[in-house]
Amino acid sequence: MKKKPFELTKIGSLWPRFNHRVFSKHYHKKEAKRLNNTDFSLICSNCIAGVFYNFYHLKFLSPTINTDFNGLGFLKFANNIQSSLTYDLVEKKTSKLSYPVGYLNGLGPIIFPHCDSFEEAKKEWDRRKIRINYDNIIIIWNAYRIVSEEQIRLFDSLPYKKVCYTIDPSLENHQNCVFLNRYKNLPSIPLLLSVRNLSGVELFEYYFDLIAYINGEEFDKCLRHKGK
């Protein structure tokens, strides 16, 4: 039986806290010196946007902070951000989740795992959506496992700079896709915020130089550890 990939975050709860306070802070302090573009909006299907802005002490220029907003709904939203945001975020009651859940003109679910109430989630969403810099948007899509033809069509049609993290073998060499070969046999993509090694770098930065991409570098030159 093939062993599951090892991550440092598996070493109990003490290690991630120590790693964040020492190694991770040192790593991101050094990386921050490379970031020369700071007025950008990360539109993400998961928590990467909030984490990245926090790492580099930047203002939240995106409503998709600390959200889980994936699948077709996210891709349809990302293709029509400005028009979608003219609609109010509305609550969707569900007994399956303890977190607030919202929909935007039928697009969703948008899950807010870090908010205590829908009112709080809507307030943060509305406050941040007016900050979007429409001239400097980067889309980050976390494709859970097998990607449908409709999903990849919508991803390909995005009119912005974009990144797709995936373990779907059919997308290994697809444009703007970061293929995590190490995890291709897992039932779903691993948590991209997991610490990858002793340097304190998370998976999403270990496999892709997001800072270089934000600075204007070509996508293919930003890929890291390809094939690993």
C-alpha atoms as a PDB file:
ATOM      1  CA  MET A   1       0.000   0.000   0.000  1.00  0.00           C
ATOM      2  CA  LYS A   2       1.365   3.395  -0.981  1.00  0.00           C
ATOM      3  CA  LYS A   3       2.126   5.657   1.965  1.00  0.00           C
ATOM      4  CA  LYS A   4       0.423   9.002   2.176  1.00  0.00           C
ATOM      5  CA  PRO A   5       2.686  12.024   1.659  1.00  0.00           C
ATOM      6  CA  PHE A   6       4.202  13.327   4.861  1.00  0.00           C
ATOM      7  CA  GLU A   7       3.655  16.902   5.957  1.00  0.00           C
ATOM      8  CA  LEU A   8       5.206  18.636   8.928  1.00  0.00           C
ATOM      9  CA  THR A   9       1.782  19.724  10.143  1.00  0.00           C
ATOM     10  CA  LYS A  10       1.160  16.100  11.104  1.00  0.00           C
ATOM     11  CA  ILE A  11       3.547  16.437  14.067  1.00  0.00           C
ATOM     12  CA  GLY A  12       0.958  17.337  16.680  1.00  0.00           C
ATOM     13  CA  SER A  13      -0.493  20.773  17.332  1.00  0.00           C
ATOM     14  CA  LEU A  14       2.607  22.323  18.925  1.00  0.00           C
ATOM     15  CA  TRP A  15       4.779  22.145  15.797  1.00  0.00           C
ATOM     16  CA  PRO A  16       2.550  24.256  13.485  1.00  0.00           C
ATOM     17  CA  ARG A  17       2.411  27.042  16.103  1.00  0.00           C
ATOM     18  CA  PHE A  18       6.183  26.968  16.627  1.00  0.00           C
ATOM     19  CA  ASN A  19       6.794  26.771  12.893  1.00  0.00           C
ATOM     20  CA  HIS A  20       4.523  29.758  12.234  1.00  0.00           C
ATOM     21  CA  ARG A  21       6.129  31.897  14.906  1.00  0.00           C
ATOM     22  CA  VAL A  22       9.713  31.163  13.942  1.00  0.00           C
ATOM     23  CA  PHE A  23      10.348  29.611  10.513  1.00  0.00           C
ATOM     24  CA  SER A  24       7.267  30.821   8.651  1.00  0.00           C
ATOM     25  CA  LYS A  25       7.595  34.432   9.810  1.00  0.00           C
ATOM     26  CA  HIS A  26      11.263  34.466   8.851  1.00  0.00           C
ATOM     27  CA  TYR A  27      10.502  32.983   5.423  1.00  0.00           C
ATOM     28  CA  HIS A  28       7.738  35.462   4.602  1.00  0.00           C
ATOM     29  CA  LYS A  29       9.685  38.446   5.928  1.00  0.00           C
ATOM     30  CA  LYS A  30      12.439  37.571   3.463  1.00  0.00           C
ATOM     31  CA  GLU A  31       9.954  36.908   0.627  1.00  0.00           C
ATOM     32  CA  ALA A  32       8.177  40.240   1.203  1.00  0.00           C
ATOM     33  CA  LYS A  33      11.221  42.084  -0.138  1.00  0.00           C
ATOM     34  CA  ARG A  34      10.498  40.609  -3.589  1.00  0.00           C
ATOM     35  CA  LEU A  35       6.902  41.861  -3.757  1.00  0.00           C
ATOM     36  CA  ASN A  36       6.813  45.058  -5.818  1.00  0.00           C
ATOM     37  CA  ASN A  37       3.127  44.922  -6.766  1.00  0.00           C
ATOM     38  CA  THR A  38       0.897  45.458  -3.732  1.00  0.00           C
ATOM     39  CA  ASP A  39      -2.325  46.820  -5.243  1.00  0.00           C
ATOM     40  CA  PHE A  40      -3.884  43.549  -6.424  1.00  0.00           C
ATOM     41  CA  SER A  41      -7.070  41.593  -5.729  1.00  0.00           C
ATOM     42  CA  LEU A  42      -6.807  37.862  -5.084  1.00  0.00           C
ATOM     43  CA  ILE A  43     -10.127  36.197  -5.894  1.00  0.00           C
ATOM     44  CA  CYS A  44      -9.826  32.723  -4.371  1.00  0.00           C
ATOM     45  CA  SER A  45     -11.988  29.659  -3.944  1.00  0.00           C
ATOM     46  CA  ASN A  46     -10.494  29.017  -0.507  1.00  0.00           C
ATOM     47  CA  CYS A  47      -8.569  30.783   2.283  1.00  0.00           C
ATOM     48  CA  ILE A  48      -5.375  31.518   0.325  1.00  0.00           C
ATOM     49  CA  ALA A  49      -6.298  35.170  -0.263  1.00  0.00           C
ATOM     50  CA  GLY A  50      -6.606  36.029   3.419  1.00  0.00           C
ATOM     51  CA  VAL A  51      -3.510  34.037   4.344  1.00  0.00           C
ATOM     52  CA  PHE A  52      -1.396  35.652   1.603  1.00  0.00           C
ATOM     53  CA  TYR A  53      -2.506  39.182   2.488  1.00  0.00           C
ATOM     54  CA  ASN A  54      -1.729  38.446   6.151  1.00  0.00           C
ATOM     55  CA  PHE A  55       1.698  36.993   5.386  1.00  0.00           C
ATOM     56  CA  TYR A  56       2.747  40.164   3.592  1.00  0.00           C
ATOM     57  CA  HIS A  57       0.794  42.694   5.698  1.00  0.00           C
ATOM     58  CA  LEU A  58      -1.369  43.894   2.829  1.00  0.00           C
ATOM     59  CA  LYS A  59      -4.867  45.356   2.780  1.00  0.00           C
ATOM     60  CA  PHE A  60      -7.664  42.898   1.969  1.00  0.00           C
ATOM     61  CA  LEU A  61      -8.677  43.907  -1.563  1.00  0.00           C
ATOM     62  CA  SER A  62     -11.043  40.983  -2.077  1.00  0.00           C
ATOM     63  CA  PRO A  63     -14.373  39.769  -0.677  1.00  0.00           C
ATOM     64  CA  THR A  64     -13.251  36.118  -0.873  1.00  0.00           C
ATOM     65  CA  ILE A  65     -11.300  36.322   2.383  1.00  0.00           C
ATOM     66  CA  ASN A  66     -11.608  33.266   4.641  1.00  0.00           C
ATOM     67  CA  THR A  67     -14.219  31.651   2.418  1.00  0.00           C
ATOM     68  CA  ASP A  68     -14.776  28.222   0.897  1.00  0.00           C
ATOM     69  CA  PHE A  69     -16.348  28.969  -2.473  1.00  0.00           C
ATOM     70  CA  ASN A  70     -15.606  26.228  -4.965  1.00  0.00           C
ATOM     71  CA  GLY A  71     -16.862  24.365  -8.016  1.00  0.00           C
ATOM     72  CA  LEU A  72     -18.984  25.774 -10.813  1.00  0.00           C
ATOM     73  CA  GLY A  73     -20.376  28.560  -8.664  1.00  0.00           C
ATOM     74  CA  PHE A  74     -16.949  30.049  -8.053  1.00  0.00           C
ATOM     75  CA  LEU A  75     -15.918  29.808 -11.717  1.00  0.00           C
ATOM     76  CA  LYS A  76     -19.142  31.447 -12.888  1.00  0.00           C
ATOM     77  CA  PHE A  77     -18.620  34.191 -10.323  1.00  0.00           C
ATOM     78  CA  ALA A  78     -14.992  34.675 -11.378  1.00  0.00           C
ATOM     79  CA  ASN A  79     -16.071  35.085 -15.010  1.00  0.00           C
ATOM     80  CA  ASN A  80     -18.546  37.825 -14.070  1.00  0.00           C
ATOM     81  CA  ILE A  81     -17.216  39.405 -10.882  1.00  0.00           C
ATOM     82  CA  GLN A  82     -18.430  42.956 -11.372  1.00  0.00           C
ATOM     83  CA  SER A  83     -21.972  42.054 -12.421  1.00  0.00           C
ATOM     84  CA  SER A  84     -22.274  39.320  -9.770  1.00  0.00           C
ATOM     85  CA  LEU A  85     -21.377  41.760  -7.016  1.00  0.00           C
ATOM     86  CA  THR A  86     -24.314  43.990  -7.898  1.00  0.00           C
ATOM     87  CA  TYR A  87     -26.471  41.347  -6.178  1.00  0.00           C
ATOM     88  CA  ASP A  88     -26.830  41.031  -2.426  1.00  0.00           C
ATOM     89  CA  LEU A  89     -25.322  38.109  -0.589  1.00  0.00           C
ATOM     90  CA  VAL A  90     -28.269  36.123   0.820  1.00  0.00           C
ATOM     91  CA  GLU A  91     -28.264  33.534   3.562  1.00  0.00           C
ATOM     92  CA  LYS A  92     -28.815  29.847   2.892  1.00  0.00           C
ATOM     93  CA  LYS A  93     -29.958  27.916   5.940  1.00  0.00           C
ATOM     94  CA  THR A  94     -28.565  24.399   6.173  1.00  0.00           C
ATOM     95  CA  SER A  95     -28.417  21.777   8.884  1.00  0.00           C
ATOM     96  CA  LYS A  96     -25.361  20.157   7.294  1.00  0.00           C
ATOM     97  CA  LEU A  97     -22.974  22.961   8.254  1.00  0.00           C
ATOM     98  CA  SER A  98     -22.481  24.932  11.435  1.00  0.00           C
ATOM     99  CA  TYR A  99     -20.924  27.828   9.499  1.00  0.00           C
ATOM    100  CA  PRO A 100     -22.740  30.713   7.822  1.00  0.00           C
ATOM    101  CA  VAL A 101     -23.542  30.001   4.170  1.00  0.00           C
ATOM    102  CA  GLY A 102     -24.482  32.489   1.480  1.00  0.00           C
ATOM    103  CA  TYR A 103     -25.492  32.630  -2.183  1.00  0.00           C
ATOM    104  CA  LEU A 104     -24.978  35.391  -4.715  1.00  0.00           C
ATOM    105  CA  ASN A 105     -27.646  35.519  -7.421  1.00  0.00           C
ATOM    106  CA  GLY A 106     -27.908  31.740  -7.201  1.00  0.00           C
ATOM    107  CA  LEU A 107     -24.130  31.203  -7.166  1.00  0.00           C
ATOM    108  CA  GLY A 108     -22.769  29.299  -4.212  1.00  0.00           C
ATOM    109  CA  PRO A 109     -22.600  27.951  -1.682  1.00  0.00           C
ATOM    110  CA  ILE A 110     -20.172  30.480  -0.225  1.00  0.00           C
ATOM    111  CA  ILE A 111     -19.109  29.116   3.158  1.00  0.00           C
ATOM    112  CA  PHE A 112     -17.691  31.395   5.863  1.00  0.00           C
ATOM    113  CA  PRO A 113     -15.917  29.046   8.303  1.00  0.00           C
ATOM    114  CA  HIS A 114     -14.329  31.891  10.273  1.00  0.00           C
ATOM    115  CA  CYS A 115     -17.499  33.897  10.907  1.00  0.00           C
ATOM    116  CA  ASP A 116     -19.836  33.383  13.860  1.00  0.00           C
ATOM    117  CA  SER A 117     -22.949  34.568  12.038  1.00  0.00           C
ATOM    118  CA  PHE A 118     -24.252  35.330   8.561  1.00  0.00           C
ATOM    119  CA  GLU A 119     -24.605  38.988   9.541  1.00  0.00           C
ATOM    120  CA  GLU A 120     -20.890  39.148  10.280  1.00  0.00           C
ATOM    121  CA  ALA A 121     -20.068  37.329   7.026  1.00  0.00           C
ATOM    122  CA  LYS A 122     -22.226  39.686   4.931  1.00  0.00           C
ATOM    123  CA  LYS A 123     -20.747  42.754   6.598  1.00  0.00           C
ATOM    124  CA  GLU A 124     -17.198  41.642   5.791  1.00  0.00           C
ATOM    125  CA  TRP A 125     -18.159  40.616   2.240  1.00  0.00           C
ATOM    126  CA  ASP A 126     -19.851  43.963   1.505  1.00  0.00           C
ATOM    127  CA  ARG A 127     -16.997  45.959   3.039  1.00  0.00           C
ATOM    128  CA  ARG A 128     -14.334  44.241   0.989  1.00  0.00           C
ATOM    129  CA  LYS A 129     -16.109  43.887  -2.343  1.00  0.00           C
ATOM    130  CA  ILE A 130     -15.880  47.634  -3.003  1.00  0.00           C
ATOM    131  CA  ARG A 131     -12.085  47.477  -2.656  1.00  0.00           C
ATOM    132  CA  ILE A 132     -11.495  45.243  -5.688  1.00  0.00           C
ATOM    133  CA  ASN A 133      -8.928  46.538  -8.131  1.00  0.00           C
ATOM    134  CA  TYR A 134     -10.492  45.416 -11.410  1.00  0.00           C
ATOM    135  CA  ASP A 135      -7.313  46.318 -13.288  1.00  0.00           C
ATOM    136  CA  ASN A 136      -5.197  43.912 -11.236  1.00  0.00           C
ATOM    137  CA  ILE A 137      -7.054  40.679 -10.464  1.00  0.00           C
ATOM    138  CA  ILE A 138      -5.570  37.217  -9.935  1.00  0.00           C
ATOM    139  CA  ILE A 139      -7.910  34.209  -9.743  1.00  0.00           C
ATOM    140  CA  ILE A 140      -6.853  31.212  -7.637  1.00  0.00           C
ATOM    141  CA  TRP A 141      -8.954  28.075  -8.014  1.00  0.00           C
ATOM    142  CA  ASN A 142      -8.471  25.022  -5.818  1.00  0.00           C
ATOM    143  CA  ALA A 143      -9.797  22.094  -7.895  1.00  0.00           C
ATOM    144  CA  TYR A 144     -10.678  19.354  -5.418  1.00  0.00           C
ATOM    145  CA  ARG A 145     -10.197  16.201  -7.553  1.00  0.00           C
ATOM    146  CA  ILE A 146     -11.490  15.330 -11.016  1.00  0.00           C
ATOM    147  CA  VAL A 147     -12.355  18.432 -13.025  1.00  0.00           C
ATOM    148  CA  SER A 148     -15.354  18.434 -15.370  1.00  0.00           C
ATOM    149  CA  GLU A 149     -15.205  19.720 -18.934  1.00  0.00           C
ATOM    150  CA  GLU A 150     -17.508  22.589 -17.998  1.00  0.00           C
ATOM    151  CA  GLN A 151     -15.275  23.598 -15.103  1.00  0.00           C
ATOM    152  CA  ILE A 152     -12.121  23.668 -17.194  1.00  0.00           C
ATOM    153  CA  ARG A 153     -13.951  25.537 -19.968  1.00  0.00           C
ATOM    154  CA  LEU A 154     -14.982  28.199 -17.468  1.00  0.00           C
ATOM    155  CA  PHE A 155     -11.473  28.333 -16.034  1.00  0.00           C
ATOM    156  CA  ASP A 156      -9.947  28.749 -19.483  1.00  0.00           C
ATOM    157  CA  SER A 157     -12.376  31.566 -20.292  1.00  0.00           C
ATOM    158  CA  LEU A 158     -11.413  33.668 -17.256  1.00  0.00           C
ATOM    159  CA  PRO A 159     -10.318  37.112 -18.501  1.00  0.00           C
ATOM    160  CA  TYR A 160      -7.747  37.569 -15.708  1.00  0.00           C
ATOM    161  CA  LYS A 161      -4.425  36.188 -14.565  1.00  0.00           C
ATOM    162  CA  LYS A 162      -5.242  32.813 -13.046  1.00  0.00           C
ATOM    163  CA  VAL A 163      -3.896  29.783 -11.223  1.00  0.00           C
ATOM    164  CA  CYS A 164      -5.489  26.345 -10.769  1.00  0.00           C
ATOM    165  CA  TYR A 165      -4.062  23.975  -8.155  1.00  0.00           C
ATOM    166  CA  THR A 166      -4.997  20.427  -9.115  1.00  0.00           C
ATOM    167  CA  ILE A 167      -4.269  16.716  -8.667  1.00  0.00           C
ATOM    168  CA  ASP A 168      -6.310  15.739 -11.730  1.00  0.00           C
ATOM    169  CA  PRO A 169      -3.805  13.893 -14.005  1.00  0.00           C
ATOM    170  CA  SER A 170      -5.589  15.150 -17.124  1.00  0.00           C
ATOM    171  CA  LEU A 171      -4.506  18.697 -16.203  1.00  0.00           C
ATOM    172  CA  GLU A 172      -0.839  17.947 -15.555  1.00  0.00           C
ATOM    173  CA  ASN A 173       0.281  20.058 -18.510  1.00  0.00           C
ATOM    174  CA  HIS A 174      -2.801  22.238 -18.915  1.00  0.00           C
ATOM    175  CA  GLN A 175      -2.233  25.977 -19.193  1.00  0.00           C
ATOM    176  CA  ASN A 176      -2.254  27.878 -15.894  1.00  0.00           C
ATOM    177  CA  CYS A 177      -2.506  24.667 -13.858  1.00  0.00           C
ATOM    178  CA  VAL A 178      -0.195  23.736 -11.001  1.00  0.00           C
ATOM    179  CA  PHE A 179      -0.185  19.942 -10.873  1.00  0.00           C
ATOM    180  CA  LEU A 180       0.689  18.491  -7.456  1.00  0.00           C
ATOM    181  CA  ASN A 181       2.131  15.186  -8.620  1.00  0.00           C
ATOM    182  CA  ARG A 182       3.023  14.052  -5.096  1.00  0.00           C
ATOM    183  CA  TYR A 183      -0.655  13.990  -4.144  1.00  0.00           C
ATOM    184  CA  LYS A 184      -2.227  12.625  -7.337  1.00  0.00           C
ATOM    185  CA  ASN A 185      -3.418   9.393  -5.681  1.00  0.00           C
ATOM    186  CA  LEU A 186      -5.217  11.091  -2.808  1.00  0.00           C
ATOM    187  CA  PRO A 187      -9.046  11.207  -2.847  1.00  0.00           C
ATOM    188  CA  SER A 188      -8.934  15.008  -2.816  1.00  0.00           C
ATOM    189  CA  ILE A 189      -6.369  17.782  -3.035  1.00  0.00           C
ATOM    190  CA  PRO A 190      -4.534  18.379   0.265  1.00  0.00           C
ATOM    191  CA  LEU A 191      -4.925  21.546   2.289  1.00  0.00           C
ATOM    192  CA  LEU A 192      -2.838  24.057   0.360  1.00  0.00           C
ATOM    193  CA  LEU A 193      -2.084  25.942   3.558  1.00  0.00           C
ATOM    194  CA  SER A 194      -0.274  22.929   5.030  1.00  0.00           C
ATOM    195  CA  VAL A 195       3.373  23.549   5.895  1.00  0.00           C
ATOM    196  CA  ARG A 196       5.557  21.763   3.359  1.00  0.00           C
ATOM    197  CA  ASN A 197       9.007  21.803   4.970  1.00  0.00           C
ATOM    198  CA  LEU A 198      11.218  23.270   7.690  1.00  0.00           C
ATOM    199  CA  SER A 199      11.509  26.596   5.886  1.00  0.00           C
ATOM    200  CA  GLY A 200       7.900  27.354   6.820  1.00  0.00           C
ATOM    201  CA  VAL A 201       6.602  27.520   3.252  1.00  0.00           C
ATOM    202  CA  GLU A 202       3.015  26.394   2.611  1.00  0.00           C
ATOM    203  CA  LEU A 203       2.055  24.078  -0.234  1.00  0.00           C
ATOM    204  CA  PHE A 204       0.583  26.802  -2.431  1.00  0.00           C
ATOM    205  CA  GLU A 205       3.869  28.741  -2.386  1.00  0.00           C
ATOM    206  CA  TYR A 206       6.095  25.661  -2.458  1.00  0.00           C
ATOM    207  CA  TYR A 207       4.697  24.595  -5.833  1.00  0.00           C
ATOM    208  CA  PHE A 208       4.150  28.029  -7.349  1.00  0.00           C
ATOM    209  CA  ASP A 209       5.976  31.342  -7.010  1.00  0.00           C
ATOM    210  CA  LEU A 210       2.892  33.470  -6.489  1.00  0.00           C
ATOM    211  CA  ILE A 211       4.928  36.580  -5.709  1.00  0.00           C
ATOM    212  CA  ALA A 212       6.735  36.398  -9.049  1.00  0.00           C
ATOM    213  CA  TYR A 213       3.411  35.878 -10.836  1.00  0.00           C
ATOM    214  CA  ILE A 214       1.864  38.879  -9.079  1.00  0.00           C
ATOM    215  CA  ASN A 215       4.931  40.907 -10.050  1.00  0.00           C
ATOM    216  CA  GLY A 216       4.278  40.096 -13.727  1.00  0.00           C
ATOM    217  CA  GLU A 217       6.398  37.008 -14.422  1.00  0.00           C
ATOM    218  CA  GLU A 218       5.105  34.459 -16.960  1.00  0.00           C
ATOM    219  CA  PHE A 219       3.119  31.561 -15.495  1.00  0.00           C
ATOM    220  CA  ASP A 220       5.432  28.737 -16.590  1.00  0.00           C
ATOM    221  CA  LYS A 221       8.457  30.445 -15.063  1.00  0.00           C
ATOM    222  CA  CYS A 222       6.667  30.549 -11.704  1.00  0.00           C
ATOM    223  CA  LEU A 223       6.182  26.775 -11.436  1.00  0.00           C
ATOM    224  CA  ARG A 224       8.267  25.155  -8.720  1.00  0.00           C
ATOM    225  CA  HIS A 225       9.202  21.518  -8.091  1.00  0.00           C
ATOM    226  CA  LYS A 226       7.398  20.396 -11.230  1.00  0.00           C
ATOM    227  CA  GLY A 227       6.935  16.622 -11.270  1.00  0.00           C
ATOM    228  CA  LYS A 228       7.379  16.290  -7.515  1.00  0.00           C
END
